[in-house]
Amino acid sequence: MKTFEYNILSFPMTRKTSLTDMQACLNVKGAEGWEVVSISSSEFANVGHTVFLKRETTSIGATE
Protein backbone atom coordinates (compact mmCIF):
# COMPACT_ATOMS: atom_id res chain seq x y z
CA MET A 1 0.00 0.00 0.00
CA LYS A 2 1.28 3.46 -0.86
CA THR A 3 1.67 5.93 1.97
CA PHE A 4 2.28 9.66 1.80
CA GLU A 5 3.57 12.50 3.92
CA TYR A 6 2.42 16.08 3.58
CA ASN A 7 3.95 19.54 3.86
CA ILE A 8 2.41 23.02 3.92
CA LEU A 9 4.29 26.13 2.81
CA SER A 10 3.22 29.76 3.10
CA PHE A 11 4.39 32.49 0.73
CA PRO A 12 3.43 36.05 1.69
CA MET A 13 3.27 38.27 -1.39
CA THR A 14 4.97 41.33 0.01
CA ARG A 15 7.88 41.83 -2.39
CA LYS A 16 8.13 42.21 -6.13
CA THR A 17 10.27 39.09 -6.43
CA SER A 18 7.96 36.90 -4.34
CA LEU A 19 6.76 34.74 -7.26
CA THR A 20 10.36 34.11 -8.31
CA ASP A 21 11.21 33.14 -4.73
CA MET A 22 8.17 30.86 -4.61
CA GLN A 23 9.19 29.14 -7.85
CA ALA A 24 12.75 28.59 -6.63
CA CYS A 25 11.52 27.10 -3.34
CA LEU A 26 9.06 24.79 -5.10
CA ASN A 27 11.80 23.63 -7.50
CA VAL A 28 13.93 22.66 -4.49
CA LYS A 29 10.99 20.80 -2.94
CA GLY A 30 10.30 19.06 -6.27
CA ALA A 31 13.90 17.85 -6.39
CA GLU A 32 13.31 16.36 -2.92
CA GLY A 33 10.33 14.40 -4.24
CA TRP A 34 7.51 16.74 -3.15
CA GLU A 35 4.55 17.34 -5.48
CA VAL A 36 2.18 20.32 -5.28
CA VAL A 37 -1.38 19.08 -4.84
CA SER A 38 -3.14 22.39 -4.16
CA ILE A 39 -2.55 26.13 -3.85
CA SER A 40 -4.76 28.54 -1.94
CA SER A 41 -4.39 32.25 -2.69
CA SER A 42 -5.58 35.26 -0.75
CA GLU A 43 -4.80 38.93 -1.07
CA PHE A 44 -6.47 39.64 2.28
CA ALA A 45 -3.89 41.03 4.71
CA ASN A 46 -1.03 40.05 2.35
CA VAL A 47 -1.53 36.37 3.12
CA GLY A 48 -0.32 35.44 -0.35
CA HIS A 49 -0.23 31.75 -1.23
CA THR A 50 -0.46 28.59 0.84
CA VAL A 51 0.89 25.52 -0.96
CA PHE A 52 0.03 21.96 -0.02
CA LEU A 53 2.52 19.27 -1.04
CA LYS A 54 2.78 15.49 -0.75
CA ARG A 55 5.35 12.82 -1.44
CA GLU A 56 5.29 9.08 -1.25
CA THR A 57 6.97 7.53 1.76
CA THR A 58 8.79 4.26 1.82
CA SER A 59 7.04 1.87 4.17
CA ILE A 60 9.08 -1.01 5.48
CA GLY A 61 7.25 -4.25 4.85
CA ALA A 62 4.56 -2.61 2.66
CA THR A 63 2.75 -4.93 0.28
CA GLU A 64 1.93 -3.70 -3.18
C-alpha atoms as a PDB file:
ATOM      1  CA  MET A   1       0.000   0.000   0.000  1.00  0.00           C
ATOM      2  CA  LYS A   2       1.283   3.456  -0.864  1.00  0.00           C
ATOM      3  CA  THR A   3       1.667   5.927   1.968  1.00  0.00           C
ATOM      4  CA  PHE A   4       2.277   9.660   1.803  1.00  0.00           C
ATOM      5  CA  GLU A   5       3.573  12.499   3.922  1.00  0.00           C
ATOM      6  CA  TYR A   6       2.423  16.082   3.576  1.00  0.00           C
ATOM      7  CA  ASN A   7       3.948  19.539   3.858  1.00  0.00           C
ATOM      8  CA  ILE A   8       2.407  23.022   3.918  1.00  0.00           C
ATOM      9  CA  LEU A   9       4.289  26.134   2.814  1.00  0.00           C
ATOM     10  CA  SER A  10       3.225  29.763   3.101  1.00  0.00           C
ATOM     11  CA  PHE A  11       4.394  32.489   0.735  1.00  0.00           C
ATOM     12  CA  PRO A  12       3.427  36.055   1.688  1.00  0.00           C
ATOM     13  CA  MET A  13       3.265  38.269  -1.388  1.00  0.00           C
ATOM     14  CA  THR A  14       4.974  41.329   0.010  1.00  0.00           C
ATOM     15  CA  ARG A  15       7.885  41.827  -2.387  1.00  0.00           C
ATOM     16  CA  LYS A  16       8.127  42.208  -6.134  1.00  0.00           C
ATOM     17  CA  THR A  17      10.268  39.085  -6.432  1.00  0.00           C
ATOM     18  CA  SER A  18       7.958  36.903  -4.338  1.00  0.00           C
ATOM     19  CA  LEU A  19       6.763  34.743  -7.256  1.00  0.00           C
ATOM     20  CA  THR A  20      10.357  34.112  -8.312  1.00  0.00           C
ATOM     21  CA  ASP A  21      11.211  33.144  -4.731  1.00  0.00           C
ATOM     22  CA  MET A  22       8.172  30.858  -4.606  1.00  0.00           C
ATOM     23  CA  GLN A  23       9.187  29.137  -7.853  1.00  0.00           C
ATOM     24  CA  ALA A  24      12.747  28.593  -6.628  1.00  0.00           C
ATOM     25  CA  CYS A  25      11.517  27.102  -3.341  1.00  0.00           C
ATOM     26  CA  LEU A  26       9.061  24.791  -5.104  1.00  0.00           C
ATOM     27  CA  ASN A  27      11.797  23.626  -7.500  1.00  0.00           C
ATOM     28  CA  VAL A  28      13.930  22.657  -4.493  1.00  0.00           C
ATOM     29  CA  LYS A  29      10.986  20.798  -2.939  1.00  0.00           C
ATOM     30  CA  GLY A  30      10.300  19.061  -6.267  1.00  0.00           C
ATOM     31  CA  ALA A  31      13.901  17.851  -6.393  1.00  0.00           C
ATOM     32  CA  GLU A  32      13.313  16.359  -2.917  1.00  0.00           C
ATOM     33  CA  GLY A  33      10.327  14.398  -4.240  1.00  0.00           C
ATOM     34  CA  TRP A  34       7.513  16.737  -3.154  1.00  0.00           C
ATOM     35  CA  GLU A  35       4.546  17.343  -5.480  1.00  0.00           C
ATOM     36  CA  VAL A  36       2.180  20.322  -5.276  1.00  0.00           C
ATOM     37  CA  VAL A  37      -1.379  19.080  -4.840  1.00  0.00           C
ATOM     38  CA  SER A  38      -3.137  22.394  -4.164  1.00  0.00           C
ATOM     39  CA  ILE A  39      -2.552  26.125  -3.853  1.00  0.00           C
ATOM     40  CA  SER A  40      -4.760  28.537  -1.945  1.00  0.00           C
ATOM     41  CA  SER A  41      -4.393  32.246  -2.689  1.00  0.00           C
ATOM     42  CA  SER A  42      -5.582  35.263  -0.751  1.00  0.00           C
ATOM     43  CA  GLU A  43      -4.804  38.935  -1.067  1.00  0.00           C
ATOM     44  CA  PHE A  44      -6.474  39.643   2.277  1.00  0.00           C
ATOM     45  CA  ALA A  45      -3.892  41.035   4.714  1.00  0.00           C
ATOM     46  CA  ASN A  46      -1.030  40.049   2.354  1.00  0.00           C
ATOM     47  CA  VAL A  47      -1.526  36.367   3.119  1.00  0.00           C
ATOM     48  CA  GLY A  48      -0.318  35.443  -0.352  1.00  0.00           C
ATOM     49  CA  HIS A  49      -0.231  31.752  -1.231  1.00  0.00           C
ATOM     50  CA  THR A  50      -0.457  28.592   0.837  1.00  0.00           C
ATOM     51  CA  VAL A  51       0.887  25.524  -0.962  1.00  0.00           C
ATOM     52  CA  PHE A  52       0.031  21.958  -0.025  1.00  0.00           C
ATOM     53  CA  LEU A  53       2.522  19.268  -1.044  1.00  0.00           C
ATOM     54  CA  LYS A  54       2.776  15.495  -0.755  1.00  0.00           C
ATOM     55  CA  ARG A  55       5.347  12.815  -1.445  1.00  0.00           C
ATOM     56  CA  GLU A  56       5.291   9.080  -1.255  1.00  0.00           C
ATOM     57  CA  THR A  57       6.968   7.532   1.757  1.00  0.00           C
ATOM     58  CA  THR A  58       8.789   4.257   1.823  1.00  0.00           C
ATOM     59  CA  SER A  59       7.038   1.868   4.165  1.00  0.00           C
ATOM     60  CA  ILE A  60       9.080  -1.009   5.483  1.00  0.00           C
ATOM     61  CA  GLY A  61       7.247  -4.246   4.851  1.00  0.00           C
ATOM     62  CA  ALA A  62       4.561  -2.610   2.660  1.00  0.00           C
ATOM     63  CA  THR A  63       2.751  -4.930   0.281  1.00  0.00           C
ATOM     64  CA  GLU A  64       1.927  -3.698  -3.183  1.00  0.00           C
END
